[in-house]
């Protein structure tokens, strides 16, 4: 299991969700992706994306200027939604 960090500070919607989706495709089941965002809409967009992919997400940090998500790549065929 590896953890990859993705710094998306300064990017605005929809780029954080699009770049997170792309980064998730490169991960193996059980791998973790730590995503740091400054776009306030990412608290809506990234959990919605993860609901679609079938992976797991938690918000590790939520401050006025920064949001950090920890996403675990799901196992199974296709690593998420089949």
PDB file of N, CA and C in Angstrom:
ATOM      1  N   UNK A   1       0.844  -1.175   0.000  1.00  0.00           N
ATOM      2  CA  UNK A   1       0.000   0.000   0.000  1.00  0.00           C
ATOM      3  C   UNK A   1       0.893   1.242   0.000  1.00  0.00           C
ATOM      4  N   UNK A   2       0.614   2.169  -0.903  1.00  0.00           N
ATOM      5  CA  UNK A   2       1.364   3.410  -0.979  1.00  0.00           C
ATOM      6  C   UNK A   2       0.419   4.598  -0.824  1.00  0.00           C
ATOM      7  N   UNK A   3       0.998   5.723  -0.410  1.00  0.00           N
ATOM      8  CA  UNK A   3       0.237   6.967  -0.322  1.00  0.00           C
ATOM      9  C   UNK A   3       0.846   7.961  -1.286  1.00  0.00           C
ATOM     10  N   UNK A   4       0.010   8.526  -2.129  1.00  0.00           N
ATOM     11  CA  UNK A   4       0.426   9.527  -3.102  1.00  0.00           C
ATOM     12  C   UNK A   4      -0.198  10.855  -2.699  1.00  0.00           C
ATOM     13  N   UNK A   5       0.576  11.925  -2.773  1.00  0.00           N
ATOM     14  CA  UNK A   5       0.058  13.260  -2.452  1.00  0.00           C
ATOM     15  C   UNK A   5      -0.193  14.020  -3.740  1.00  0.00           C
ATOM     16  N   UNK A   6      -1.299  14.742  -3.750  1.00  0.00           N
ATOM     17  CA  UNK A   6      -1.696  15.528  -4.914  1.00  0.00           C
ATOM     18  C   UNK A   6      -1.996  16.947  -4.428  1.00  0.00           C
ATOM     19  N   UNK A   7      -1.168  17.895  -4.847  1.00  0.00           N
ATOM     20  CA  UNK A   7      -1.333  19.289  -4.423  1.00  0.00           C
ATOM     21  C   UNK A   7      -2.107  20.042  -5.498  1.00  0.00           C
ATOM     22  N   UNK A   8      -3.360  20.362  -5.205  1.00  0.00           N
ATOM     23  CA  UNK A   8      -4.228  21.055  -6.157  1.00  0.00           C
ATOM     24  C   UNK A   8      -4.556  22.468  -5.677  1.00  0.00           C
ATOM     25  N   UNK A   9      -3.682  23.021  -4.838  1.00  0.00           N
ATOM     26  CA  UNK A   9      -3.929  24.362  -4.330  1.00  0.00           C
ATOM     27  C   UNK A   9      -3.925  25.367  -5.481  1.00  0.00           C
ATOM     28  N   UNK A  10      -4.861  26.293  -5.415  1.00  0.00           N
ATOM     29  CA  UNK A  10      -4.975  27.329  -6.423  1.00  0.00           C
ATOM     30  C   UNK A  10      -5.868  26.970  -7.606  1.00  0.00           C
ATOM     31  N   UNK A  11      -6.215  25.691  -7.763  1.00  0.00           N
ATOM     32  CA  UNK A  11      -7.062  25.285  -8.883  1.00  0.00           C
ATOM     33  C   UNK A  11      -8.534  25.464  -8.524  1.00  0.00           C
ATOM     34  N   UNK A  12      -9.319  25.854  -9.503  1.00  0.00           N
ATOM     35  CA  UNK A  12     -10.757  26.071  -9.311  1.00  0.00           C
ATOM     36  C   UNK A  12     -11.564  24.987 -10.017  1.00  0.00           C
ATOM     37  N   UNK A  13     -12.797  24.823  -9.566  1.00  0.00           N
ATOM     38  CA  UNK A  13     -13.743  23.866 -10.122  1.00  0.00           C
ATOM     39  C   UNK A  13     -13.818  24.022 -11.635  1.00  0.00           C
ATOM     40  N   UNK A  14     -13.754  22.955 -12.389  1.00  0.00           N
ATOM     41  CA  UNK A  14     -13.823  21.541 -12.030  1.00  0.00           C
ATOM     42  C   UNK A  14     -12.461  20.855 -11.950  1.00  0.00           C
ATOM     43  N   UNK A  15     -11.350  21.606 -12.052  1.00  0.00           N
ATOM     44  CA  UNK A  15     -10.033  20.985 -12.119  1.00  0.00           C
ATOM     45  C   UNK A  15      -9.675  20.072 -10.946  1.00  0.00           C
ATOM     46  N   UNK A  16      -9.960  20.430  -9.669  1.00  0.00           N
ATOM     47  CA  UNK A  16      -9.607  19.497  -8.594  1.00  0.00           C
ATOM     48  C   UNK A  16     -10.258  18.113  -8.756  1.00  0.00           C
ATOM     49  N   UNK A  17     -11.523  18.061  -9.124  1.00  0.00           N
ATOM     50  CA  UNK A  17     -12.197  16.770  -9.300  1.00  0.00           C
ATOM     51  C   UNK A  17     -11.631  16.026 -10.505  1.00  0.00           C
ATOM     52  N   UNK A  18     -11.370  16.729 -11.599  1.00  0.00           N
ATOM     53  CA  UNK A  18     -10.841  16.072 -12.797  1.00  0.00           C
ATOM     54  C   UNK A  18      -9.440  15.506 -12.558  1.00  0.00           C
ATOM     55  N   UNK A  19      -8.591  16.273 -11.889  1.00  0.00           N
ATOM     56  CA  UNK A  19      -7.229  15.797 -11.615  1.00  0.00           C
ATOM     57  C   UNK A  19      -7.232  14.668 -10.581  1.00  0.00           C
ATOM     58  N   UNK A  20      -8.176  14.711  -9.633  1.00  0.00           N
ATOM     59  CA  UNK A  20      -8.294  13.623  -8.661  1.00  0.00           C
ATOM     60  C   UNK A  20      -8.721  12.341  -9.364  1.00  0.00           C
ATOM     61  N   UNK A  21      -9.696  12.438 -10.264  1.00  0.00           N
ATOM     62  CA  UNK A  21     -10.150  11.265 -11.021  1.00  0.00           C
ATOM     63  C   UNK A  21      -8.986  10.641 -11.803  1.00  0.00           C
ATOM     64  N   UNK A  22      -8.193  11.474 -12.450  1.00  0.00           N
ATOM     65  CA  UNK A  22      -7.052  10.987 -13.238  1.00  0.00           C
ATOM     66  C   UNK A  22      -6.022  10.297 -12.341  1.00  0.00           C
ATOM     67  N   UNK A  23      -5.739  10.901 -11.183  1.00  0.00           N
ATOM     68  CA  UNK A  23      -4.762  10.318 -10.259  1.00  0.00           C
ATOM     69  C   UNK A  23      -5.251   8.978  -9.709  1.00  0.00           C
ATOM     70  N   UNK A  24      -6.550   8.848  -9.451  1.00  0.00           N
ATOM     71  CA  UNK A  24      -7.096   7.591  -8.929  1.00  0.00           C
ATOM     72  C   UNK A  24      -6.930   6.438  -9.915  1.00  0.00           C
ATOM     73  N   UNK A  25      -6.993   6.727 -11.202  1.00  0.00           N
ATOM     74  CA  UNK A  25      -6.865   5.671 -12.215  1.00  0.00           C
ATOM     75  C   UNK A  25      -5.504   4.991 -12.152  1.00  0.00           C
ATOM     76  N   UNK A  26      -4.478   5.709 -11.703  1.00  0.00           N
ATOM     77  CA  UNK A  26      -3.128   5.158 -11.647  1.00  0.00           C
ATOM     78  C   UNK A  26      -2.866   4.337 -10.386  1.00  0.00           C
ATOM     79  N   UNK A  27      -3.795   4.368  -9.428  1.00  0.00           N
ATOM     80  CA  UNK A  27      -3.582   3.672  -8.158  1.00  0.00           C
ATOM     81  C   UNK A  27      -4.056   2.227  -8.208  1.00  0.00           C
ATOM     82  N   UNK A  28      -3.482   1.426  -7.314  1.00  0.00           N
ATOM     83  CA  UNK A  28      -3.896   0.033  -7.151  1.00  0.00           C
ATOM     84  C   UNK A  28      -4.832  -0.049  -5.947  1.00  0.00           C
ATOM     85  N   UNK A  29      -5.695  -1.070  -5.892  1.00  0.00           N
ATOM     86  CA  UNK A  29      -6.583  -1.230  -4.731  1.00  0.00           C
ATOM     87  C   UNK A  29      -5.788  -1.208  -3.422  1.00  0.00           C
ATOM     88  N   UNK A  30      -6.292  -0.446  -2.462  1.00  0.00           N
ATOM     89  CA  UNK A  30      -5.641  -0.317  -1.165  1.00  0.00           C
ATOM     90  C   UNK A  30      -4.713   0.882  -1.075  1.00  0.00           C
ATOM     91  N   UNK A  31      -4.301   1.440  -2.215  1.00  0.00           N
ATOM     92  CA  UNK A  31      -3.448   2.629  -2.209  1.00  0.00           C
ATOM     93  C   UNK A  31      -4.241   3.829  -1.713  1.00  0.00           C
ATOM     94  N   UNK A  32      -3.525   4.805  -1.177  1.00  0.00           N
ATOM     95  CA  UNK A  32      -4.142   6.014  -0.645  1.00  0.00           C
ATOM     96  C   UNK A  32      -3.725   7.214  -1.493  1.00  0.00           C
ATOM     97  N   UNK A  33      -4.641   8.164  -1.617  1.00  0.00           N
ATOM     98  CA  UNK A  33      -4.374   9.412  -2.315  1.00  0.00           C
ATOM     99  C   UNK A  33      -4.735  10.555  -1.373  1.00  0.00           C
ATOM    100  N   UNK A  34      -3.740  11.382  -1.050  1.00  0.00           N
ATOM    101  CA  UNK A  34      -3.982  12.557  -0.218  1.00  0.00           C
ATOM    102  C   UNK A  34      -4.081  13.755  -1.153  1.00  0.00           C
ATOM    103  N   UNK A  35      -5.223  14.438  -1.110  1.00  0.00           N
ATOM    104  CA  UNK A  35      -5.494  15.551  -2.019  1.00  0.00           C
ATOM    105  C   UNK A  35      -5.649  16.829  -1.209  1.00  0.00           C
ATOM    106  N   UNK A  36      -4.841  17.844  -1.546  1.00  0.00           N
ATOM    107  CA  UNK A  36      -4.909  19.137  -0.874  1.00  0.00           C
ATOM    108  C   UNK A  36      -5.498  20.149  -1.846  1.00  0.00           C
ATOM    109  N   UNK A  37      -6.605  20.787  -1.453  1.00  0.00           N
ATOM    110  CA  UNK A  37      -7.326  21.747  -2.296  1.00  0.00           C
ATOM    111  C   UNK A  37      -7.534  23.056  -1.552  1.00  0.00           C
ATOM    112  N   UNK A  38      -7.711  24.122  -2.344  1.00  0.00           N
ATOM    113  CA  UNK A  38      -8.091  25.414  -1.758  1.00  0.00           C
ATOM    114  C   UNK A  38      -9.455  25.864  -2.272  1.00  0.00           C
ATOM    115  N   UNK A  39      -9.998  25.186  -3.276  1.00  0.00           N
ATOM    116  CA  UNK A  39     -11.306  25.541  -3.834  1.00  0.00           C
ATOM    117  C   UNK A  39     -12.404  25.085  -2.878  1.00  0.00           C
ATOM    118  N   UNK A  40     -13.225  26.009  -2.354  1.00  0.00           N
ATOM    119  CA  UNK A  40     -14.272  25.610  -1.405  1.00  0.00           C
ATOM    120  C   UNK A  40     -15.282  24.624  -1.990  1.00  0.00           C
ATOM    121  N   UNK A  41     -15.471  24.622  -3.300  1.00  0.00           N
ATOM    122  CA  UNK A  41     -16.415  23.685  -3.915  1.00  0.00           C
ATOM    123  C   UNK A  41     -15.907  22.245  -3.918  1.00  0.00           C
ATOM    124  N   UNK A  42     -14.624  22.057  -3.639  1.00  0.00           N
ATOM    125  CA  UNK A  42     -14.081  20.691  -3.629  1.00  0.00           C
ATOM    126  C   UNK A  42     -14.701  19.838  -2.521  1.00  0.00           C
ATOM    127  N   UNK A  43     -15.219  20.467  -1.445  1.00  0.00           N
ATOM    128  CA  UNK A  43     -15.876  19.682  -0.388  1.00  0.00           C
ATOM    129  C   UNK A  43     -17.162  19.044  -0.893  1.00  0.00           C
ATOM    130  N   UNK A  44     -17.689  19.534  -1.993  1.00  0.00           N
ATOM    131  CA  UNK A  44     -18.858  18.931  -2.633  1.00  0.00           C
ATOM    132  C   UNK A  44     -18.416  18.023  -3.778  1.00  0.00           C
ATOM    133  N   UNK A  45     -17.536  18.557  -4.624  1.00  0.00           N
ATOM    134  CA  UNK A  45     -17.155  17.857  -5.857  1.00  0.00           C
ATOM    135  C   UNK A  45     -16.393  16.552  -5.621  1.00  0.00           C
ATOM    136  N   UNK A  46     -15.421  16.562  -4.728  1.00  0.00           N
ATOM    137  CA  UNK A  46     -14.601  15.359  -4.543  1.00  0.00           C
ATOM    138  C   UNK A  46     -15.395  14.230  -3.887  1.00  0.00           C
ATOM    139  N   UNK A  47     -16.167  14.470  -2.815  1.00  0.00           N
ATOM    140  CA  UNK A  47     -17.002  13.372  -2.300  1.00  0.00           C
ATOM    141  C   UNK A  47     -17.996  12.827  -3.334  1.00  0.00           C
ATOM    142  N   UNK A  48     -18.559  13.712  -4.183  1.00  0.00           N
ATOM    143  CA  UNK A  48     -19.451  13.235  -5.247  1.00  0.00           C
ATOM    144  C   UNK A  48     -18.698  12.351  -6.242  1.00  0.00           C
ATOM    145  N   UNK A  49     -17.491  12.741  -6.596  1.00  0.00           N
ATOM    146  CA  UNK A  49     -16.658  11.926  -7.479  1.00  0.00           C
ATOM    147  C   UNK A  49     -16.404  10.553  -6.863  1.00  0.00           C
ATOM    148  N   UNK A  50     -16.062  10.524  -5.586  1.00  0.00           N
ATOM    149  CA  UNK A  50     -15.742   9.261  -4.911  1.00  0.00           C
ATOM    150  C   UNK A  50     -16.982   8.385  -4.803  1.00  0.00           C
ATOM    151  N   UNK A  51     -18.136   8.987  -4.650  1.00  0.00           N
ATOM    152  CA  UNK A  51     -19.388   8.214  -4.641  1.00  0.00           C
ATOM    153  C   UNK A  51     -19.548   7.490  -5.983  1.00  0.00           C
ATOM    154  N   UNK A  52     -19.174   8.153  -7.071  1.00  0.00           N
ATOM    155  CA  UNK A  52     -19.252   7.551  -8.407  1.00  0.00           C
ATOM    156  C   UNK A  52     -18.236   6.432  -8.601  1.00  0.00           C
ATOM    157  N   UNK A  53     -17.022   6.621  -8.090  1.00  0.00           N
ATOM    158  CA  UNK A  53     -15.956   5.645  -8.323  1.00  0.00           C
ATOM    159  C   UNK A  53     -16.036   4.443  -7.388  1.00  0.00           C
ATOM    160  N   UNK A  54     -16.731   4.600  -6.257  1.00  0.00           N
ATOM    161  CA  UNK A  54     -16.838   3.495  -5.310  1.00  0.00           C
ATOM    162  C   UNK A  54     -15.677   3.416  -4.335  1.00  0.00           C
ATOM    163  N   UNK A  55     -14.795   4.407  -4.348  1.00  0.00           N
ATOM    164  CA  UNK A  55     -13.671   4.436  -3.420  1.00  0.00           C
ATOM    165  C   UNK A  55     -14.134   5.014  -2.081  1.00  0.00           C
ATOM    166  N   UNK A  56     -13.203   5.171  -1.140  1.00  0.00           N
ATOM    167  CA  UNK A  56     -13.544   5.709   0.189  1.00  0.00           C
ATOM    168  C   UNK A  56     -12.831   7.036   0.377  1.00  0.00           C
ATOM    169  N   UNK A  57     -13.529   7.996   0.994  1.00  0.00           N
ATOM    170  CA  UNK A  57     -12.932   9.309   1.229  1.00  0.00           C
ATOM    171  C   UNK A  57     -13.247   9.792   2.633  1.00  0.00           C
ATOM    172  N   UNK A  58     -12.298  10.518   3.199  1.00  0.00           N
ATOM    173  CA  UNK A  58     -12.534  11.230   4.456  1.00  0.00           C
ATOM    174  C   UNK A  58     -11.837  12.577   4.360  1.00  0.00           C
ATOM    175  N   UNK A  59     -12.405  13.564   5.029  1.00  0.00           N
ATOM    176  CA  UNK A  59     -11.778  14.875   5.081  1.00  0.00           C
ATOM    177  C   UNK A  59     -10.860  14.882   6.298  1.00  0.00           C
ATOM    178  N   UNK A  60      -9.562  15.000   6.060  1.00  0.00           N
ATOM    179  CA  UNK A  60      -8.582  14.973   7.149  1.00  0.00           C
ATOM    180  C   UNK A  60      -8.406  16.342   7.778  1.00  0.00           C
ATOM    181  N   UNK A  61      -8.552  17.372   6.963  1.00  0.00           N
ATOM    182  CA  UNK A  61      -8.365  18.733   7.462  1.00  0.00           C
ATOM    183  C   UNK A  61      -9.314  19.649   6.702  1.00  0.00           C
ATOM    184  N   UNK A  62      -9.938  20.548   7.431  1.00  0.00           N
ATOM    185  CA  UNK A  62     -10.808  21.529   6.776  1.00  0.00           C
ATOM    186  C   UNK A  62     -10.634  22.863   7.485  1.00  0.00           C
ATOM    187  N   UNK A  63      -9.867  23.722   6.854  1.00  0.00           N
ATOM    188  CA  UNK A  63      -9.633  25.059   7.375  1.00  0.00           C
ATOM    189  C   UNK A  63     -10.257  26.052   6.404  1.00  0.00           C
ATOM    190  N   UNK A  64     -10.198  27.319   6.755  1.00  0.00           N
ATOM    191  CA  UNK A  64     -10.816  28.333   5.900  1.00  0.00           C
ATOM    192  C   UNK A  64     -10.181  28.376   4.514  1.00  0.00           C
ATOM    193  N   UNK A  65      -8.876  28.126   4.452  1.00  0.00           N
ATOM    194  CA  UNK A  65      -8.181  28.264   3.173  1.00  0.00           C
ATOM    195  C   UNK A  65      -7.683  26.942   2.591  1.00  0.00           C
ATOM    196  N   UNK A  66      -7.942  25.806   3.248  1.00  0.00           N
ATOM    197  CA  UNK A  66      -7.375  24.541   2.780  1.00  0.00           C
ATOM    198  C   UNK A  66      -8.244  23.360   3.197  1.00  0.00           C
ATOM    199  N   UNK A  67      -8.379  22.405   2.283  1.00  0.00           N
ATOM    200  CA  UNK A  67      -9.112  21.170   2.556  1.00  0.00           C
ATOM    201  C   UNK A  67      -8.213  20.014   2.136  1.00  0.00           C
ATOM    202  N   UNK A  68      -8.064  19.037   3.016  1.00  0.00           N
ATOM    203  CA  UNK A  68      -7.246  17.870   2.705  1.00  0.00           C
ATOM    204  C   UNK A  68      -8.124  16.627   2.783  1.00  0.00           C
ATOM    205  N   UNK A  69      -8.161  15.882   1.689  1.00  0.00           N
ATOM    206  CA  UNK A  69      -8.917  14.633   1.606  1.00  0.00           C
ATOM    207  C   UNK A  69      -7.951  13.464   1.634  1.00  0.00           C
ATOM    208  N   UNK A  70      -8.373  12.371   2.237  1.00  0.00           N
ATOM    209  CA  UNK A  70      -7.640  11.120   2.154  1.00  0.00           C
ATOM    210  C   UNK A  70      -8.579  10.117   1.491  1.00  0.00           C
ATOM    211  N   UNK A  71      -8.152   9.607   0.337  1.00  0.00           N
ATOM    212  CA  UNK A  71      -8.980   8.715  -0.470  1.00  0.00           C
ATOM    213  C   UNK A  71      -8.300   7.357  -0.542  1.00  0.00           C
ATOM    214  N   UNK A  72      -9.071   6.306  -0.274  1.00  0.00           N
ATOM    215  CA  UNK A  72      -8.549   4.944  -0.398  1.00  0.00           C
ATOM    216  C   UNK A  72      -9.147   4.302  -1.642  1.00  0.00           C
ATOM    217  N   UNK A  73      -8.262   3.811  -2.516  1.00  0.00           N
ATOM    218  CA  UNK A  73      -8.692   3.138  -3.736  1.00  0.00           C
ATOM    219  C   UNK A  73      -9.352   1.813  -3.370  1.00  0.00           C
ATOM    220  N   UNK A  74     -10.570   1.603  -3.863  1.00  0.00           N
ATOM    221  CA  UNK A  74     -11.306   0.387  -3.553  1.00  0.00           C
ATOM    222  C   UNK A  74     -10.722  -0.804  -4.292  1.00  0.00           C
ATOM    223  N   UNK A  75     -10.960  -1.977  -3.756  1.00  0.00           N
ATOM    224  CA  UNK A  75     -10.519  -3.205  -4.406  1.00  0.00           C
ATOM    225  C   UNK A  75     -11.565  -3.739  -5.345  1.00  0.00           C
ATOM    226  N   UNK A  76     -11.345  -4.941  -5.844  1.00  0.00           N
ATOM    227  CA  UNK A  76     -12.327  -5.565  -6.728  1.00  0.00           C
ATOM    228  C   UNK A  76     -12.050  -5.280  -8.187  1.00  0.00           C
ATOM    229  N   UNK A  77     -12.841  -5.869  -9.073  1.00  0.00           N
ATOM    230  CA  UNK A  77     -12.626  -5.688 -10.508  1.00  0.00           C
ATOM    231  C   UNK A  77     -12.730  -4.223 -10.905  1.00  0.00           C
ATOM    232  N   UNK A  78     -11.708  -3.740 -11.573  1.00  0.00           N
ATOM    233  CA  UNK A  78     -11.721  -2.368 -12.027  1.00  0.00           C
ATOM    234  C   UNK A  78     -11.382  -1.360 -10.940  1.00  0.00           C
ATOM    235  N   UNK A  79     -11.162  -1.796  -9.697  1.00  0.00           N
ATOM    236  CA  UNK A  79     -10.790  -0.908  -8.621  1.00  0.00           C
ATOM    237  C   UNK A  79     -11.832   0.118  -8.271  1.00  0.00           C
ATOM    238  N   UNK A  80     -13.071  -0.283  -8.200  1.00  0.00           N
ATOM    239  CA  UNK A  80     -14.130   0.659  -7.859  1.00  0.00           C
ATOM    240  C   UNK A  80     -15.422   0.232  -8.486  1.00  0.00           C
ATOM    241  N   UNK A  81     -16.091   1.158  -9.117  1.00  0.00           N
ATOM    242  CA  UNK A  81     -17.380   0.877  -9.741  1.00  0.00           C
ATOM    243  C   UNK A  81     -17.197  -0.066 -10.921  1.00  0.00           C
ATOM    244  N   UNK A  82     -18.025  -1.078 -10.960  1.00  0.00           N
ATOM    245  CA  UNK A  82     -17.909  -2.090 -12.024  1.00  0.00           C
ATOM    246  C   UNK A  82     -18.882  -1.779 -13.129  1.00  0.00           C
TER     247      UNK A  82
END
